[in-house]
Amino acid sequence: MSKAVSALSGAEFKGFASVTETGLRGMITVRGDLASKAMTAAIKAATGADVPAQRKVAVGGKGKVPWMSPDELLVVVDYATVLDTVATLNAALSGGHALVANVSDARAVFEIRGAGCRDVLAKLAPVDLSHNRFAADEIRRTRIAQVPAAFWQTESDAFEVICFRSVALYVFDVLRLSATKGGEVHHLG
C-alpha cells in the first residue's frame, strides 16, 4: 500500500506573512438537508460541532465544519480519523437522502499567518476582508487568483485556505508572491 503524502510536502514561505502547506487533513463532503434532525445529530456525533449557519464555520472537539452551500458541509478532521468519521456519518445518515464522500486526498490546505494575512488574501480574492466585514467564524468560497478556493480565519492573525490538490502549486506560488516583503499594502493587516 502506498503512503499518503500531502500535495507539497509542507512547503513554506516567510515574507510579511508566512504561507505554509499544512499537510494531510481529513476532509469529508456531506450533502443533504442541513436543517434535518438527522444531519444535526450526525454532525454532532462526528465532530462535536453544530451544523453551521450560512457562510459560517462551526468548531467541535473532534473537528471543524464549514458551510459550503445550502445543502453541503465540509467536515474537517484529523487525517488519521477520516475513515472512522465517514463511517459515523454514513451510519447516522442512513435511511435518508444524503451523500458522504471522503475528499481528503483531492484537496490541499494552506495556512497564512502574520499581521498581514488579510492583505495577502485581499490582493488575490474578490472578498472584503476588513475586520468589520469578515469575522473569525466566516468562510468564503471564492477564487484565489484564477482558481476556486475557500478560506476562513482560524486566529486573529491566521487563515486557512483549501483548494484542489491539482492546483496546489499554483495557489502556493500566488500566495507566496502576494506575501513577499515589499508587497505590503498595510490596508487590512
Protein backbone atom coordinates (compact mmCIF):
# COMPACT_ATOMS: atom_id res chain seq x y z
CA MET A 1 0.00 0.00 0.00
CA SER A 2 1.30 3.45 -0.83
CA LYS A 3 1.97 6.09 1.81
CA ALA A 4 -0.28 9.16 1.77
CA VAL A 5 1.59 12.43 1.26
CA SER A 6 0.39 16.00 1.14
CA ALA A 7 0.38 17.98 -2.08
CA LEU A 8 3.55 19.99 -1.43
CA SER A 9 5.20 18.16 1.48
CA GLY A 10 4.84 21.08 3.89
CA ALA A 11 6.21 23.83 1.61
CA GLU A 12 6.81 27.10 3.48
CA PHE A 13 7.47 30.74 2.65
CA LYS A 14 8.17 33.60 5.03
CA GLY A 15 7.50 37.14 3.85
CA PHE A 16 5.49 39.87 5.56
CA ALA A 17 3.17 36.92 6.29
CA SER A 18 4.06 33.24 6.25
CA VAL A 19 2.48 30.71 3.90
CA THR A 20 2.63 27.01 4.82
CA GLU A 21 1.11 23.92 3.27
CA THR A 22 -0.27 22.27 6.40
CA GLY A 23 -0.03 18.62 5.39
CA LEU A 24 -2.63 15.88 5.29
CA ARG A 25 -6.09 16.76 6.54
CA GLY A 26 -9.22 14.67 6.69
CA MET A 27 -11.98 16.31 4.63
CA ILE A 28 -15.43 14.92 4.00
CA THR A 29 -18.12 16.43 1.79
CA VAL A 30 -21.55 15.93 3.34
CA ARG A 31 -24.64 16.81 1.28
CA GLY A 32 -28.24 16.66 2.37
CA ASP A 33 -30.90 18.59 4.28
CA LEU A 34 -28.81 20.75 6.62
CA ALA A 35 -31.88 21.60 8.72
CA SER A 36 -32.84 17.97 9.41
CA LYS A 37 -32.57 16.40 12.85
CA ALA A 38 -30.58 13.52 11.32
CA MET A 39 -27.97 15.92 9.90
CA THR A 40 -27.69 17.82 13.19
CA ALA A 41 -27.19 14.56 15.10
CA ALA A 42 -24.70 13.17 12.55
CA ILE A 43 -22.50 16.29 12.54
CA LYS A 44 -22.59 16.48 16.35
CA ALA A 45 -21.64 12.78 16.67
CA ALA A 46 -18.82 13.07 14.13
CA THR A 47 -17.24 16.36 15.23
CA GLY A 48 -18.86 17.67 18.38
CA ALA A 49 -19.88 20.76 16.40
CA ASP A 50 -23.28 22.10 15.44
CA VAL A 51 -24.39 22.48 11.83
CA PRO A 52 -23.07 25.96 10.93
CA ALA A 53 -25.19 28.80 9.66
CA GLN A 54 -24.74 30.13 6.11
CA ARG A 55 -21.10 31.17 5.40
CA LYS A 56 -20.02 30.14 8.92
CA VAL A 57 -17.61 27.60 10.39
CA ALA A 58 -18.59 25.58 13.48
CA VAL A 59 -15.87 24.07 15.67
CA GLY A 60 -16.21 20.99 17.87
CA GLY A 61 -13.88 18.84 19.91
CA LYS A 62 -13.20 16.46 17.00
CA GLY A 63 -13.27 18.77 14.01
CA LYS A 64 -14.43 21.84 12.12
CA VAL A 65 -17.49 22.11 9.92
CA PRO A 66 -17.51 24.86 7.28
CA TRP A 67 -20.77 25.64 5.46
CA MET A 68 -20.19 25.22 1.72
CA SER A 69 -23.64 25.68 0.13
CA PRO A 70 -27.33 25.41 1.10
CA ASP A 71 -27.09 21.60 1.05
CA GLU A 72 -23.38 20.99 1.61
CA LEU A 73 -20.93 20.94 4.51
CA LEU A 74 -17.22 20.16 4.63
CA VAL A 75 -16.26 18.12 7.69
CA VAL A 76 -12.58 18.71 8.54
CA VAL A 77 -10.95 16.22 10.91
CA ASP A 78 -7.57 14.69 11.63
CA TYR A 79 -6.40 12.65 8.63
CA ALA A 80 -5.95 9.52 10.77
CA THR A 81 -9.63 9.59 11.79
CA VAL A 82 -11.23 10.34 8.43
CA LEU A 83 -12.38 6.78 7.63
CA ASP A 84 -13.96 6.36 11.08
CA THR A 85 -15.65 9.75 10.69
CA VAL A 86 -17.03 8.74 7.28
CA ALA A 87 -18.43 5.55 8.85
CA THR A 88 -20.01 7.55 11.70
CA LEU A 89 -21.63 9.97 9.26
CA ASN A 90 -22.87 7.20 6.94
CA ALA A 91 -24.42 5.31 9.86
CA ALA A 92 -26.11 8.41 11.25
CA LEU A 93 -27.47 9.48 7.85
CA SER A 94 -28.55 6.05 6.58
CA GLY A 95 -32.16 5.78 5.56
CA GLY A 96 -32.31 9.38 4.38
CA HIS A 97 -31.22 11.30 1.31
CA ALA A 98 -27.58 12.22 1.92
CA LEU A 99 -24.10 11.93 0.44
CA VAL A 100 -20.91 11.41 2.42
CA ALA A 101 -17.66 11.45 0.40
CA ASN A 102 -14.05 11.39 1.59
CA VAL A 103 -12.31 14.14 -0.42
CA SER A 104 -9.16 14.34 1.71
CA ASP A 105 -6.70 13.31 -0.99
CA ALA A 106 -8.24 15.66 -3.56
CA ARG A 107 -7.55 18.82 -1.54
CA ALA A 108 -4.62 20.87 -0.25
CA VAL A 109 -4.65 23.17 2.79
CA PHE A 110 -2.52 26.25 3.39
CA GLU A 111 -2.12 28.49 6.41
CA ILE A 112 -1.40 32.19 6.04
CA ARG A 113 -0.10 33.65 9.29
CA GLY A 114 1.08 37.06 10.38
CA ALA A 115 -0.10 40.63 10.78
CA GLY A 116 -0.53 40.98 7.01
CA CYS A 117 -2.52 37.78 6.42
CA ARG A 118 -5.65 39.69 5.40
CA ASP A 119 -3.65 41.74 2.89
CA VAL A 120 -2.23 38.57 1.32
CA LEU A 121 -5.73 37.27 0.62
CA ALA A 122 -7.23 40.65 -0.27
CA LYS A 123 -4.77 41.01 -3.16
CA LEU A 124 -5.95 37.68 -4.62
CA ALA A 125 -9.65 37.22 -3.82
CA PRO A 126 -12.67 39.44 -4.54
CA VAL A 127 -13.73 39.48 -0.87
CA ASP A 128 -13.98 42.37 1.59
CA LEU A 129 -11.55 41.20 4.27
CA SER A 130 -11.75 44.26 6.50
CA HIS A 131 -12.08 43.40 10.19
CA ASN A 132 -15.65 44.68 10.44
CA ARG A 133 -16.82 42.75 7.33
CA PHE A 134 -15.12 39.35 7.68
CA ALA A 135 -15.44 37.73 11.12
CA ALA A 136 -13.44 34.88 12.61
CA ASP A 137 -16.20 32.28 12.16
CA GLU A 138 -16.90 33.06 8.48
CA ILE A 139 -15.95 31.15 5.36
CA ARG A 140 -15.83 32.27 1.76
CA ARG A 141 -15.88 30.09 -1.31
CA THR A 142 -14.33 32.24 -3.98
CA ARG A 143 -11.33 32.43 -6.25
CA ILE A 144 -7.67 32.79 -5.36
CA ALA A 145 -6.28 34.46 -8.45
CA GLN A 146 -7.73 32.20 -11.18
CA VAL A 147 -8.76 29.05 -9.28
CA PRO A 148 -11.59 28.08 -6.91
CA ALA A 149 -10.75 28.02 -3.22
CA ALA A 150 -12.29 28.51 0.20
CA PHE A 151 -10.85 30.20 3.27
CA TRP A 152 -11.66 31.09 6.85
CA GLN A 153 -9.92 32.84 9.72
CA THR A 154 -8.58 30.50 12.40
CA GLU A 155 -6.96 33.09 14.68
CA SER A 156 -6.72 36.88 14.70
CA ASP A 157 -3.60 36.67 12.52
CA ALA A 158 -4.18 33.41 10.61
CA PHE A 159 -6.33 31.99 7.80
CA GLU A 160 -6.68 28.53 6.32
CA VAL A 161 -7.12 28.15 2.56
CA ILE A 162 -8.44 24.99 0.90
CA CYS A 163 -8.03 24.32 -2.82
CA PHE A 164 -7.98 21.37 -5.17
CA ARG A 165 -4.78 19.36 -4.95
CA SER A 166 -4.29 19.69 -8.71
CA VAL A 167 -3.72 23.46 -8.36
CA ALA A 168 -1.81 23.39 -5.05
CA LEU A 169 1.50 24.57 -6.51
CA TYR A 170 -0.22 27.44 -8.34
CA VAL A 171 -2.04 28.52 -5.15
CA PHE A 172 1.16 28.30 -3.09
CA ASP A 173 3.01 30.39 -5.68
CA VAL A 174 0.38 33.16 -5.83
CA LEU A 175 0.11 33.24 -2.02
CA ARG A 176 3.91 33.38 -1.79
CA LEU A 177 4.11 36.23 -4.29
CA SER A 178 1.33 38.11 -2.51
CA ALA A 179 3.17 37.72 0.83
CA THR A 180 6.59 38.79 -0.47
CA LYS A 181 8.24 41.54 1.58
CA GLY A 182 7.94 44.86 -0.14
CA GLY A 183 4.44 43.99 -1.34
CA GLU A 184 2.73 45.08 1.88
CA VAL A 185 -0.21 47.39 1.38
CA HIS A 186 -0.94 47.96 5.11
CA HIS A 187 -4.60 48.27 4.31
CA LEU A 188 -6.11 45.43 6.34
CA GLY A 189 -3.32 43.88 8.44
